[in-house]
Amino acid sequence: MFTHNIRMYVFTFIIFASRGPPNTHTRMALNNQLLIIFGSSASERVRWEVYSQGPLHAPTWHATLYINDINYGHGTTHTKGRAQEMAAMQVAEYLDRGSREHAGRIAQMERTDVSESR
């Protein structure tokens, strides 16, 4: 039961975090989500690569978010924070899709358990 509650919390939290436009603290929501998933090893599994290109007065920022050395999101725009928010949004959307599929499987298992107990 406890595991199920955490999964539903994670599912709800990701949906909430991924619905707003970038710049609504998606990075913070994603960070919290990854702490739930990975616990204390999150800092070892998550890596940002952020850099700028172009003239100093008008740089183009690139941000890539890696989880376990796999690229899950990338953002490119004219501010560093916005580029990171864009990358975080891609990761949140990816996790949201997976959570919806996972929550559907959990709900199906619970319906099966209830019908079998009758």
PDB file of N, CA and C in Angstrom:
ATOM      1  N   MET A   1       0.826  -1.191   0.000  1.00  0.00           N
ATOM      2  CA  MET A   1       0.000   0.000   0.000  1.00  0.00           C
ATOM      3  C   MET A   1       0.872   1.258   0.000  1.00  0.00           C
ATOM      4  N   PHE A   2       1.931   1.257   0.832  1.00  0.00           N
ATOM      5  CA  PHE A   2       2.816   2.410   0.905  1.00  0.00           C
ATOM      6  C   PHE A   2       3.469   2.687  -0.442  1.00  0.00           C
ATOM      7  N   THR A   3       3.949   1.653  -1.118  1.00  0.00           N
ATOM      8  CA  THR A   3       4.592   1.831  -2.421  1.00  0.00           C
ATOM      9  C   THR A   3       3.604   2.404  -3.425  1.00  0.00           C
ATOM     10  N   HIS A   4       2.380   1.915  -3.381  1.00  0.00           N
ATOM     11  CA  HIS A   4       1.347   2.400  -4.289  1.00  0.00           C
ATOM     12  C   HIS A   4       1.106   3.901  -4.060  1.00  0.00           C
ATOM     13  N   ASN A   5       1.047   4.340  -2.797  1.00  0.00           N
ATOM     14  CA  ASN A   5       0.824   5.755  -2.502  1.00  0.00           C
ATOM     15  C   ASN A   5       1.948   6.612  -3.052  1.00  0.00           C
ATOM     16  N   ILE A   6       3.187   6.153  -2.929  1.00  0.00           N
ATOM     17  CA  ILE A   6       4.312   6.914  -3.478  1.00  0.00           C
ATOM     18  C   ILE A   6       4.202   6.968  -4.992  1.00  0.00           C
ATOM     19  N   ARG A   7       3.860   5.875  -5.615  1.00  0.00           N
ATOM     20  CA  ARG A   7       3.737   5.871  -7.081  1.00  0.00           C
ATOM     21  C   ARG A   7       2.666   6.851  -7.538  1.00  0.00           C
ATOM     22  N   MET A   8       1.531   6.866  -6.848  1.00  0.00           N
ATOM     23  CA  MET A   8       0.468   7.790  -7.248  1.00  0.00           C
ATOM     24  C   MET A   8       0.905   9.238  -7.000  1.00  0.00           C
ATOM     25  N   TYR A   9       1.627   9.495  -5.906  1.00  0.00           N
ATOM     26  CA  TYR A   9       2.145  10.828  -5.638  1.00  0.00           C
ATOM     27  C   TYR A   9       3.090  11.241  -6.754  1.00  0.00           C
ATOM     28  N   VAL A  10       3.981  10.351  -7.125  1.00  0.00           N
ATOM     29  CA  VAL A  10       4.938  10.630  -8.197  1.00  0.00           C
ATOM     30  C   VAL A  10       4.188  10.921  -9.486  1.00  0.00           C
ATOM     31  N   PHE A  11       3.212  10.110  -9.814  1.00  0.00           N
ATOM     32  CA  PHE A  11       2.419  10.286 -11.016  1.00  0.00           C
ATOM     33  C   PHE A  11       1.738  11.652 -11.017  1.00  0.00           C
ATOM     34  N   THR A  12       1.071  11.996  -9.928  1.00  0.00           N
ATOM     35  CA  THR A  12       0.370  13.272  -9.831  1.00  0.00           C
ATOM     36  C   THR A  12       1.344  14.434  -9.896  1.00  0.00           C
ATOM     37  N   PHE A  13       2.465  14.315  -9.220  1.00  0.00           N
ATOM     38  CA  PHE A  13       3.433  15.394  -9.173  1.00  0.00           C
ATOM     39  C   PHE A  13       4.020  15.668 -10.542  1.00  0.00           C
ATOM     40  N   ILE A  14       4.330  14.628 -11.275  1.00  0.00           N
ATOM     41  CA  ILE A  14       4.908  14.817 -12.608  1.00  0.00           C
ATOM     42  C   ILE A  14       3.895  15.472 -13.533  1.00  0.00           C
ATOM     43  N   ILE A  15       2.658  15.043 -13.478  1.00  0.00           N
ATOM     44  CA  ILE A  15       1.644  15.663 -14.331  1.00  0.00           C
ATOM     45  C   ILE A  15       1.534  17.140 -13.998  1.00  0.00           C
ATOM     46  N   PHE A  16       1.475  17.487 -12.717  1.00  0.00           N
ATOM     47  CA  PHE A  16       1.377  18.879 -12.307  1.00  0.00           C
ATOM     48  C   PHE A  16       2.578  19.671 -12.812  1.00  0.00           C
ATOM     49  N   ALA A  17       3.762  19.114 -12.639  1.00  0.00           N
ATOM     50  CA  ALA A  17       4.984  19.828 -13.018  1.00  0.00           C
ATOM     51  C   ALA A  17       5.093  20.011 -14.516  1.00  0.00           C
ATOM     52  N   SER A  18       4.580  19.071 -15.293  1.00  0.00           N
ATOM     53  CA  SER A  18       4.792  19.133 -16.737  1.00  0.00           C
ATOM     54  C   SER A  18       3.708  19.904 -17.487  1.00  0.00           C
ATOM     55  N   ARG A  19       2.658  20.329 -16.811  1.00  0.00           N
ATOM     56  CA  ARG A  19       1.559  21.001 -17.517  1.00  0.00           C
ATOM     57  C   ARG A  19       1.800  22.479 -17.757  1.00  0.00           C
ATOM     58  N   GLY A  20       2.498  23.140 -16.846  1.00  0.00           N
ATOM     59  CA  GLY A  20       2.700  24.569 -17.000  1.00  0.00           C
ATOM     60  C   GLY A  20       3.744  24.862 -18.054  1.00  0.00           C
ATOM     61  N   PRO A  21       3.803  26.117 -18.503  1.00  0.00           N
ATOM     62  CA  PRO A  21       4.832  26.476 -19.468  1.00  0.00           C
ATOM     63  C   PRO A  21       6.198  26.467 -18.804  1.00  0.00           C
ATOM     64  N   PRO A  22       7.265  26.356 -19.579  1.00  0.00           N
ATOM     65  CA  PRO A  22       8.591  26.428 -18.982  1.00  0.00           C
ATOM     66  C   PRO A  22       8.724  27.726 -18.185  1.00  0.00           C
ATOM     67  N   ASN A  23       9.599  27.711 -17.233  1.00  0.00           N
ATOM     68  CA  ASN A  23       9.830  28.840 -16.340  1.00  0.00           C
ATOM     69  C   ASN A  23       8.860  28.844 -15.174  1.00  0.00           C
ATOM     70  N   THR A  24       8.204  27.729 -14.895  1.00  0.00           N
ATOM     71  CA  THR A  24       7.337  27.619 -13.732  1.00  0.00           C
ATOM     72  C   THR A  24       7.959  26.655 -12.731  1.00  0.00           C
ATOM     73  N   HIS A  25       9.259  26.694 -12.614  1.00  0.00           N
ATOM     74  CA  HIS A  25       9.996  25.897 -11.642  1.00  0.00           C
ATOM     75  C   HIS A  25       9.964  24.403 -11.948  1.00  0.00           C
ATOM     76  N   THR A  26       9.977  24.070 -13.209  1.00  0.00           N
ATOM     77  CA  THR A  26      10.005  22.665 -13.612  1.00  0.00           C
ATOM     78  C   THR A  26      11.274  21.995 -13.116  1.00  0.00           C
ATOM     79  N   ARG A  27      12.383  22.727 -13.106  1.00  0.00           N
ATOM     80  CA  ARG A  27      13.641  22.142 -12.621  1.00  0.00           C
ATOM     81  C   ARG A  27      13.520  21.699 -11.174  1.00  0.00           C
ATOM     82  N   MET A  28      12.898  22.531 -10.344  1.00  0.00           N
ATOM     83  CA  MET A  28      12.757  22.184  -8.940  1.00  0.00           C
ATOM     84  C   MET A  28      11.838  20.969  -8.776  1.00  0.00           C
ATOM     85  N   ALA A  29      10.727  20.955  -9.502  1.00  0.00           N
ATOM     86  CA  ALA A  29       9.808  19.820  -9.430  1.00  0.00           C
ATOM     87  C   ALA A  29      10.488  18.545  -9.903  1.00  0.00           C
ATOM     88  N   LEU A  30      11.261  18.653 -10.974  1.00  0.00           N
ATOM     89  CA  LEU A  30      11.978  17.490 -11.497  1.00  0.00           C
ATOM     90  C   LEU A  30      13.033  17.015 -10.502  1.00  0.00           C
ATOM     91  N   ASN A  31      13.744  17.952  -9.899  1.00  0.00           N
ATOM     92  CA  ASN A  31      14.730  17.592  -8.898  1.00  0.00           C
ATOM     93  C   ASN A  31      14.076  16.809  -7.756  1.00  0.00           C
ATOM     94  N   ASN A  32      12.947  17.287  -7.276  1.00  0.00           N
ATOM     95  CA  ASN A  32      12.229  16.583  -6.209  1.00  0.00           C
ATOM     96  C   ASN A  32      11.811  15.193  -6.671  1.00  0.00           C
ATOM     97  N   GLN A  33      11.347  15.103  -7.901  1.00  0.00           N
ATOM     98  CA  GLN A  33      10.923  13.823  -8.459  1.00  0.00           C
ATOM     99  C   GLN A  33      12.089  12.841  -8.529  1.00  0.00           C
ATOM    100  N   LEU A  34      13.222  13.311  -8.992  1.00  0.00           N
ATOM    101  CA  LEU A  34      14.389  12.443  -9.128  1.00  0.00           C
ATOM    102  C   LEU A  34      14.927  12.020  -7.764  1.00  0.00           C
ATOM    103  N   LEU A  35      14.767  12.871  -6.756  1.00  0.00           N
ATOM    104  CA  LEU A  35      15.141  12.481  -5.394  1.00  0.00           C
ATOM    105  C   LEU A  35      14.246  11.356  -4.887  1.00  0.00           C
ATOM    106  N   ILE A  36      12.973  11.407  -5.243  1.00  0.00           N
ATOM    107  CA  ILE A  36      12.054  10.332  -4.852  1.00  0.00           C
ATOM    108  C   ILE A  36      12.444   9.032  -5.548  1.00  0.00           C
ATOM    109  N   ILE A  37      12.772   9.127  -6.817  1.00  0.00           N
ATOM    110  CA  ILE A  37      13.102   7.931  -7.597  1.00  0.00           C
ATOM    111  C   ILE A  37      14.448   7.343  -7.167  1.00  0.00           C
ATOM    112  N   PHE A  38      15.481   8.185  -7.083  1.00  0.00           N
ATOM    113  CA  PHE A  38      16.840   7.692  -6.869  1.00  0.00           C
ATOM    114  C   PHE A  38      17.344   7.828  -5.436  1.00  0.00           C
ATOM    115  N   GLY A  39      16.656   8.590  -4.614  1.00  0.00           N
ATOM    116  CA  GLY A  39      17.108   8.787  -3.236  1.00  0.00           C
ATOM    117  C   GLY A  39      18.421   9.541  -3.192  1.00  0.00           C
ATOM    118  N   SER A  40      19.276   9.145  -2.272  1.00  0.00           N
ATOM    119  CA  SER A  40      20.525   9.871  -2.069  1.00  0.00           C
ATOM    120  C   SER A  40      21.504   9.730  -3.229  1.00  0.00           C
ATOM    121  N   SER A  41      21.281   8.792  -4.129  1.00  0.00           N
ATOM    122  CA  SER A  41      22.195   8.633  -5.270  1.00  0.00           C
ATOM    123  C   SER A  41      21.803   9.517  -6.461  1.00  0.00           C
ATOM    124  N   ALA A  42      20.785  10.362  -6.302  1.00  0.00           N
ATOM    125  CA  ALA A  42      20.329  11.208  -7.417  1.00  0.00           C
ATOM    126  C   ALA A  42      21.451  12.093  -7.952  1.00  0.00           C
ATOM    127  N   SER A  43      22.244  12.658  -7.062  1.00  0.00           N
ATOM    128  CA  SER A  43      23.307  13.564  -7.522  1.00  0.00           C
ATOM    129  C   SER A  43      24.372  12.833  -8.339  1.00  0.00           C
ATOM    130  N   GLU A  44      24.493  11.529  -8.153  1.00  0.00           N
ATOM    131  CA  GLU A  44      25.449  10.746  -8.928  1.00  0.00           C
ATOM    132  C   GLU A  44      24.872  10.330 -10.275  1.00  0.00           C
ATOM    133  N   ARG A  45      23.564  10.333 -10.404  1.00  0.00           N
ATOM    134  CA  ARG A  45      22.913   9.840 -11.615  1.00  0.00           C
ATOM    135  C   ARG A  45      22.481  10.952 -12.574  1.00  0.00           C
ATOM    136  N   VAL A  46      22.362  12.163 -12.067  1.00  0.00           N
ATOM    137  CA  VAL A  46      21.845  13.280 -12.858  1.00  0.00           C
ATOM    138  C   VAL A  46      22.979  14.267 -13.129  1.00  0.00           C
ATOM    139  N   ARG A  47      23.086  14.670 -14.406  1.00  0.00           N
ATOM    140  CA  ARG A  47      24.177  15.581 -14.783  1.00  0.00           C
ATOM    141  C   ARG A  47      23.650  16.586 -15.809  1.00  0.00           C
ATOM    142  N   TRP A  48      23.959  17.848 -15.562  1.00  0.00           N
ATOM    143  CA  TRP A  48      23.640  18.913 -16.506  1.00  0.00           C
ATOM    144  C   TRP A  48      24.882  19.258 -17.318  1.00  0.00           C
ATOM    145  N   GLU A  49      24.695  19.533 -18.589  1.00  0.00           N
ATOM    146  CA  GLU A  49      25.743  20.105 -19.436  1.00  0.00           C
ATOM    147  C   GLU A  49      25.169  21.412 -19.967  1.00  0.00           C
ATOM    148  N   VAL A  50      25.730  22.528 -19.533  1.00  0.00           N
ATOM    149  CA  VAL A  50      25.206  23.849 -19.896  1.00  0.00           C
ATOM    150  C   VAL A  50      26.345  24.689 -20.451  1.00  0.00           C
ATOM    151  N   TYR A  51      26.121  25.288 -21.613  1.00  0.00           N
ATOM    152  CA  TYR A  51      27.143  26.151 -22.203  1.00  0.00           C
ATOM    153  C   TYR A  51      26.473  27.170 -23.109  1.00  0.00           C
ATOM    154  N   SER A  52      27.227  28.214 -23.436  1.00  0.00           N
ATOM    155  CA  SER A  52      26.699  29.246 -24.331  1.00  0.00           C
ATOM    156  C   SER A  52      27.587  29.353 -25.561  1.00  0.00           C
ATOM    157  N   GLN A  53      26.987  29.864 -26.627  1.00  0.00           N
ATOM    158  CA  GLN A  53      27.696  30.115 -27.881  1.00  0.00           C
ATOM    159  C   GLN A  53      27.282  31.481 -28.385  1.00  0.00           C
ATOM    160  N   GLY A  54      28.101  32.059 -29.209  1.00  0.00           N
ATOM    161  CA  GLY A  54      27.756  33.335 -29.809  1.00  0.00           C
ATOM    162  C   GLY A  54      28.378  34.507 -29.076  1.00  0.00           C
ATOM    163  N   PRO A  55      28.012  35.700 -29.489  1.00  0.00           N
ATOM    164  CA  PRO A  55      28.610  36.906 -28.894  1.00  0.00           C
ATOM    165  C   PRO A  55      28.163  37.093 -27.438  1.00  0.00           C
ATOM    166  N   LEU A  56      29.002  37.728 -26.638  1.00  0.00           N
ATOM    167  CA  LEU A  56      28.694  37.936 -25.224  1.00  0.00           C
ATOM    168  C   LEU A  56      27.422  38.758 -25.014  1.00  0.00           C
ATOM    169  N   HIS A  57      27.133  39.676 -25.925  1.00  0.00           N
ATOM    170  CA  HIS A  57      25.952  40.517 -25.752  1.00  0.00           C
ATOM    171  C   HIS A  57      24.652  39.800 -26.159  1.00  0.00           C
ATOM    172  N   ALA A  58      24.750  38.672 -26.848  1.00  0.00           N
ATOM    173  CA  ALA A  58      23.555  37.929 -27.269  1.00  0.00           C
ATOM    174  C   ALA A  58      23.870  36.435 -27.368  1.00  0.00           C
ATOM    175  N   PRO A  59      24.180  35.804 -26.242  1.00  0.00           N
ATOM    176  CA  PRO A  59      24.542  34.383 -26.311  1.00  0.00           C
ATOM    177  C   PRO A  59      23.331  33.489 -26.560  1.00  0.00           C
ATOM    178  N   THR A  60      23.604  32.332 -27.089  1.00  0.00           N
ATOM    179  CA  THR A  60      22.610  31.272 -27.204  1.00  0.00           C
ATOM    180  C   THR A  60      23.025  30.193 -26.216  1.00  0.00           C
ATOM    181  N   TRP A  61      22.128  29.881 -25.303  1.00  0.00           N
ATOM    182  CA  TRP A  61      22.421  28.896 -24.260  1.00  0.00           C
ATOM    183  C   TRP A  61      21.896  27.527 -24.640  1.00  0.00           C
ATOM    184  N   HIS A  62      22.689  26.521 -24.327  1.00  0.00           N
ATOM    185  CA  HIS A  62      22.323  25.123 -24.552  1.00  0.00           C
ATOM    186  C   HIS A  62      22.382  24.410 -23.205  1.00  0.00           C
ATOM    187  N   ALA A  63      21.349  23.640 -22.895  1.00  0.00           N
ATOM    188  CA  ALA A  63      21.338  22.859 -21.657  1.00  0.00           C
ATOM    189  C   ALA A  63      20.870  21.453 -21.994  1.00  0.00           C
ATOM    190  N   THR A  64      21.617  20.465 -21.535  1.00  0.00           N
ATOM    191  CA  THR A  64      21.279  19.061 -21.748  1.00  0.00           C
ATOM    192  C   THR A  64      21.253  18.390 -20.391  1.00  0.00           C
ATOM    193  N   LEU A  65      20.219  17.598 -20.158  1.00  0.00           N
ATOM    194  CA  LEU A  65      20.078  16.876 -18.900  1.00  0.00           C
ATOM    195  C   LEU A  65      20.281  15.391 -19.147  1.00  0.00           C
ATOM    196  N   TYR A  66      21.254  14.831 -18.455  1.00  0.00           N
ATOM    197  CA  TYR A  66      21.569  13.408 -18.572  1.00  0.00           C
ATOM    198  C   TYR A  66      21.150  12.700 -17.290  1.00  0.00           C
ATOM    199  N   ILE A  67      20.536  11.550 -17.434  1.00  0.00           N
ATOM    200  CA  ILE A  67      20.241  10.680 -16.306  1.00  0.00           C
ATOM    201  C   ILE A  67      20.914   9.354 -16.618  1.00  0.00           C
ATOM    202  N   ASN A  68      21.774   8.925 -15.726  1.00  0.00           N
ATOM    203  CA  ASN A  68      22.584   7.726 -15.959  1.00  0.00           C
ATOM    204  C   ASN A  68      23.313   7.803 -17.300  1.00  0.00           C
ATOM    205  N   ASP A  69      23.840   8.978 -17.594  1.00  0.00           N
ATOM    206  CA  ASP A  69      24.606   9.256 -18.816  1.00  0.00           C
ATOM    207  C   ASP A  69      23.806   9.089 -20.110  1.00  0.00           C
ATOM    208  N   ILE A  70      22.482   9.164 -20.015  1.00  0.00           N
ATOM    209  CA  ILE A  70      21.624   9.128 -21.197  1.00  0.00           C
ATOM    210  C   ILE A  70      20.949  10.488 -21.320  1.00  0.00           C
ATOM    211  N   ASN A  71      20.996  11.072 -22.505  1.00  0.00           N
ATOM    212  CA  ASN A  71      20.382  12.372 -22.761  1.00  0.00           C
ATOM    213  C   ASN A  71      18.864  12.222 -22.763  1.00  0.00           C
ATOM    214  N   TYR A  72      18.205  12.880 -21.791  1.00  0.00           N
ATOM    215  CA  TYR A  72      16.747  12.837 -21.714  1.00  0.00           C
ATOM    216  C   TYR A  72      16.100  14.164 -22.068  1.00  0.00           C
ATOM    217  N   GLY A  73      16.878  15.242 -22.146  1.00  0.00           N
ATOM    218  CA  GLY A  73      16.274  16.525 -22.482  1.00  0.00           C
ATOM    219  C   GLY A  73      17.313  17.542 -22.886  1.00  0.00           C
ATOM    220  N   HIS A  74      16.913  18.435 -23.802  1.00  0.00           N
ATOM    221  CA  HIS A  74      17.813  19.474 -24.283  1.00  0.00           C
ATOM    222  C   HIS A  74      17.004  20.737 -24.544  1.00  0.00           C
ATOM    223  N   GLY A  75      17.570  21.873 -24.174  1.00  0.00           N
ATOM    224  CA  GLY A  75      16.932  23.151 -24.447  1.00  0.00           C
ATOM    225  C   GLY A  75      17.936  24.128 -25.008  1.00  0.00           C
ATOM    226  N   THR A  76      17.506  24.943 -25.954  1.00  0.00           N
ATOM    227  CA  THR A  76      18.348  25.974 -26.552  1.00  0.00           C
ATOM    228  C   THR A  76      17.537  27.258 -26.641  1.00  0.00           C
ATOM    229  N   THR A  77      18.062  28.313 -26.044  1.00  0.00           N
ATOM    230  CA  THR A  77      17.389  29.616 -26.081  1.00  0.00           C
ATOM    231  C   THR A  77      18.377  30.701 -25.660  1.00  0.00           C
ATOM    232  N   HIS A  78      17.894  31.905 -25.412  1.00  0.00           N
ATOM    233  CA  HIS A  78      18.779  33.034 -25.150  1.00  0.00           C
ATOM    234  C   HIS A  78      19.077  33.287 -23.677  1.00  0.00           C
ATOM    235  N   THR A  79      18.508  32.480 -22.767  1.00  0.00           N
ATOM    236  CA  THR A  79      18.884  32.595 -21.359  1.00  0.00           C
ATOM    237  C   THR A  79      19.209  31.211 -20.808  1.00  0.00           C
ATOM    238  N   LYS A  80      20.154  31.186 -19.896  1.00  0.00           N
ATOM    239  CA  LYS A  80      20.601  29.924 -19.307  1.00  0.00           C
ATOM    240  C   LYS A  80      19.456  29.223 -18.574  1.00  0.00           C
ATOM    241  N   GLY A  81      18.743  29.959 -17.731  1.00  0.00           N
ATOM    242  CA  GLY A  81      17.660  29.364 -16.952  1.00  0.00           C
ATOM    243  C   GLY A  81      16.547  28.807 -17.821  1.00  0.00           C
ATOM    244  N   ARG A  82      16.202  29.528 -18.842  1.00  0.00           N
ATOM    245  CA  ARG A  82      15.134  29.078 -19.752  1.00  0.00           C
ATOM    246  C   ARG A  82      15.569  27.801 -20.485  1.00  0.00           C
ATOM    247  N   ALA A  83      16.840  27.731 -20.892  1.00  0.00           N
ATOM    248  CA  ALA A  83      17.339  26.525 -21.565  1.00  0.00           C
ATOM    249  C   ALA A  83      17.247  25.328 -20.624  1.00  0.00           C
ATOM    250  N   GLN A  84      17.589  25.527 -19.341  1.00  0.00           N
ATOM    251  CA  GLN A  84      17.486  24.439 -18.375  1.00  0.00           C
ATOM    252  C   GLN A  84      16.032  24.056 -18.125  1.00  0.00           C
ATOM    253  N   GLU A  85      15.153  25.038 -18.070  1.00  0.00           N
ATOM    254  CA  GLU A  85      13.725  24.749 -17.893  1.00  0.00           C
ATOM    255  C   GLU A  85      13.181  23.938 -19.075  1.00  0.00           C
ATOM    256  N   MET A  86      13.615  24.282 -20.278  1.00  0.00           N
ATOM    257  CA  MET A  86      13.157  23.548 -21.462  1.00  0.00           C
ATOM    258  C   MET A  86      13.611  22.089 -21.402  1.00  0.00           C
ATOM    259  N   ALA A  87      14.865  21.870 -21.011  1.00  0.00           N
ATOM    260  CA  ALA A  87      15.377  20.505 -20.895  1.00  0.00           C
ATOM    261  C   ALA A  87      14.627  19.749 -19.794  1.00  0.00           C
ATOM    262  N   ALA A  88      14.399  20.403 -18.663  1.00  0.00           N
ATOM    263  CA  ALA A  88      13.681  19.771 -17.559  1.00  0.00           C
ATOM    264  C   ALA A  88      12.253  19.426 -17.971  1.00  0.00           C
ATOM    265  N   MET A  89      11.633  20.286 -18.760  1.00  0.00           N
ATOM    266  CA  MET A  89      10.261  20.031 -19.238  1.00  0.00           C
ATOM    267  C   MET A  89      10.223  18.769 -20.094  1.00  0.00           C
ATOM    268  N   GLN A  90      11.226  18.578 -20.962  1.00  0.00           N
ATOM    269  CA  GLN A  90      11.272  17.375 -21.789  1.00  0.00           C
ATOM    270  C   GLN A  90      11.390  16.126 -20.925  1.00  0.00           C
ATOM    271  N   VAL A  91      12.224  16.192 -19.891  1.00  0.00           N
ATOM    272  CA  VAL A  91      12.392  15.039 -19.003  1.00  0.00           C
ATOM    273  C   VAL A  91      11.097  14.782 -18.240  1.00  0.00           C
ATOM    274  N   ALA A  92      10.457  15.840 -17.740  1.00  0.00           N
ATOM    275  CA  ALA A  92       9.192  15.687 -17.003  1.00  0.00           C
ATOM    276  C   ALA A  92       8.125  15.059 -17.890  1.00  0.00           C
ATOM    277  N   GLU A  93       8.047  15.479 -19.148  1.00  0.00           N
ATOM    278  CA  GLU A  93       7.069  14.903 -20.072  1.00  0.00           C
ATOM    279  C   GLU A  93       7.371  13.430 -20.335  1.00  0.00           C
ATOM    280  N   TYR A  94       8.644  13.091 -20.457  1.00  0.00           N
ATOM    281  CA  TYR A  94       9.035  11.697 -20.668  1.00  0.00           C
ATOM    282  C   TYR A  94       8.630  10.850 -19.456  1.00  0.00           C
ATOM    283  N   LEU A  95       8.936  11.349 -18.251  1.00  0.00           N
ATOM    284  CA  LEU A  95       8.575  10.620 -17.039  1.00  0.00           C
ATOM    285  C   LEU A  95       7.064  10.538 -16.870  1.00  0.00           C
ATOM    286  N   ASP A  96       6.361  11.592 -17.281  1.00  0.00           N
ATOM    287  CA  ASP A  96       4.901  11.607 -17.188  1.00  0.00           C
ATOM    288  C   ASP A  96       4.295  10.502 -18.048  1.00  0.00           C
ATOM    289  N   ARG A  97       4.798  10.356 -19.265  1.00  0.00           N
ATOM    290  CA  ARG A  97       4.286   9.285 -20.141  1.00  0.00           C
ATOM    291  C   ARG A  97       4.502   7.917 -19.495  1.00  0.00           C
ATOM    292  N   GLY A  98       5.696   7.704 -18.953  1.00  0.00           N
ATOM    293  CA  GLY A  98       6.002   6.440 -18.298  1.00  0.00           C
ATOM    294  C   GLY A  98       5.157   6.226 -17.058  1.00  0.00           C
ATOM    295  N   SER A  99       4.917   7.283 -16.291  1.00  0.00           N
ATOM    296  CA  SER A  99       4.107   7.168 -15.075  1.00  0.00           C
ATOM    297  C   SER A  99       2.659   6.849 -15.403  1.00  0.00           C
ATOM    298  N   ARG A 100       2.124   7.465 -16.463  1.00  0.00           N
ATOM    299  CA  ARG A 100       0.741   7.162 -16.850  1.00  0.00           C
ATOM    300  C   ARG A 100       0.602   5.699 -17.235  1.00  0.00           C
ATOM    301  N   GLU A 101       1.571   5.187 -17.983  1.00  0.00           N
ATOM    302  CA  GLU A 101       1.531   3.774 -18.364  1.00  0.00           C
ATOM    303  C   GLU A 101       1.639   2.894 -17.123  1.00  0.00           C
ATOM    304  N   HIS A 102       2.548   3.271 -16.215  1.00  0.00           N
ATOM    305  CA  HIS A 102       2.758   2.496 -14.987  1.00  0.00           C
ATOM    306  C   HIS A 102       1.511   2.555 -14.102  1.00  0.00           C
ATOM    307  N   ALA A 103       0.917   3.738 -13.956  1.00  0.00           N
ATOM    308  CA  ALA A 103      -0.288   3.880 -13.130  1.00  0.00           C
ATOM    309  C   ALA A 103      -1.431   3.065 -13.712  1.00  0.00           C
ATOM    310  N   GLY A 104      -1.528   3.004 -15.029  1.00  0.00           N
ATOM    311  CA  GLY A 104      -2.558   2.185 -15.674  1.00  0.00           C
ATOM    312  C   GLY A 104      -2.371   0.712 -15.354  1.00  0.00           C
ATOM    313  N   ARG A 105      -1.125   0.268 -15.359  1.00  0.00           N
ATOM    314  CA  ARG A 105      -0.850  -1.139 -15.002  1.00  0.00           C
ATOM    315  C   ARG A 105      -1.189  -1.407 -13.543  1.00  0.00           C
ATOM    316  N   ILE A 106      -0.877  -0.463 -12.646  1.00  0.00           N
ATOM    317  CA  ILE A 106      -1.196  -0.630 -11.221  1.00  0.00           C
ATOM    318  C   ILE A 106      -2.704  -0.699 -11.032  1.00  0.00           C
ATOM    319  N   ALA A 107      -3.430   0.204 -11.690  1.00  0.00           N
ATOM    320  CA  ALA A 107      -4.890   0.205 -11.569  1.00  0.00           C
ATOM    321  C   ALA A 107      -5.471  -1.104 -12.078  1.00  0.00           C
ATOM    322  N   GLN A 108      -4.935  -1.617 -13.171  1.00  0.00           N
ATOM    323  CA  GLN A 108      -5.412  -2.885 -13.713  1.00  0.00           C
ATOM    324  C   GLN A 108      -5.148  -4.018 -12.734  1.00  0.00           C
ATOM    325  N   MET A 109      -3.962  -4.040 -12.107  1.00  0.00           N
ATOM    326  CA  MET A 109      -3.642  -5.074 -11.127  1.00  0.00           C
ATOM    327  C   MET A 109      -4.567  -4.979  -9.924  1.00  0.00           C
ATOM    328  N   GLU A 110      -4.883  -3.757  -9.482  1.00  0.00           N
ATOM    329  CA  GLU A 110      -5.775  -3.596  -8.334  1.00  0.00           C
ATOM    330  C   GLU A 110      -7.185  -4.063  -8.672  1.00  0.00           C
ATOM    331  N   ARG A 111      -7.654  -3.768  -9.873  1.00  0.00           N
ATOM    332  CA  ARG A 111      -8.988  -4.246 -10.280  1.00  0.00           C
ATOM    333  C   ARG A 111      -9.012  -5.768 -10.306  1.00  0.00           C
ATOM    334  N   THR A 112      -7.917  -6.363 -10.777  1.00  0.00           N
ATOM    335  CA  THR A 112      -7.821  -7.826 -10.817  1.00  0.00           C
ATOM    336  C   THR A 112      -7.812  -8.395  -9.405  1.00  0.00           C
ATOM    337  N   ASP A 113      -7.049  -7.763  -8.499  1.00  0.00           N
ATOM    338  CA  ASP A 113      -6.983  -8.224  -7.106  1.00  0.00           C
ATOM    339  C   ASP A 113      -8.350  -8.146  -6.428  1.00  0.00           C
ATOM    340  N   VAL A 114      -9.086  -7.069  -6.670  1.00  0.00           N
ATOM    341  CA  VAL A 114     -10.412  -6.898  -6.058  1.00  0.00           C
ATOM    342  C   VAL A 114     -11.374  -7.949  -6.602  1.00  0.00           C
ATOM    343  N   SER A 115     -11.367  -8.185  -7.905  1.00  0.00           N
ATOM    344  CA  SER A 115     -12.297  -9.142  -8.488  1.00  0.00           C
ATOM    345  C   SER A 115     -11.959 -10.576  -8.057  1.00  0.00           C
ATOM    346  N   GLU A 116     -10.672 -10.865  -7.832  1.00  0.00           N
ATOM    347  CA  GLU A 116     -10.284 -12.202  -7.394  1.00  0.00           C
ATOM    348  C   GLU A 116     -10.638 -12.447  -5.949  1.00  0.00           C
ATOM    349  N   SER A 117     -10.673 -11.373  -5.132  1.00  0.00           N
ATOM    350  CA  SER A 117     -10.962 -11.562  -3.707  1.00  0.00           C
ATOM    351  C   SER A 117     -12.451 -11.762  -3.445  1.00  0.00           C
ATOM    352  N   ARG A 118     -13.297 -11.535  -4.436  1.00  0.00           N
ATOM    353  CA  ARG A 118     -14.742 -11.707  -4.258  1.00  0.00           C
ATOM    354  C   ARG A 118     -15.130 -13.107  -4.390  1.00  0.00           C
TER     355      ARG A 118
END
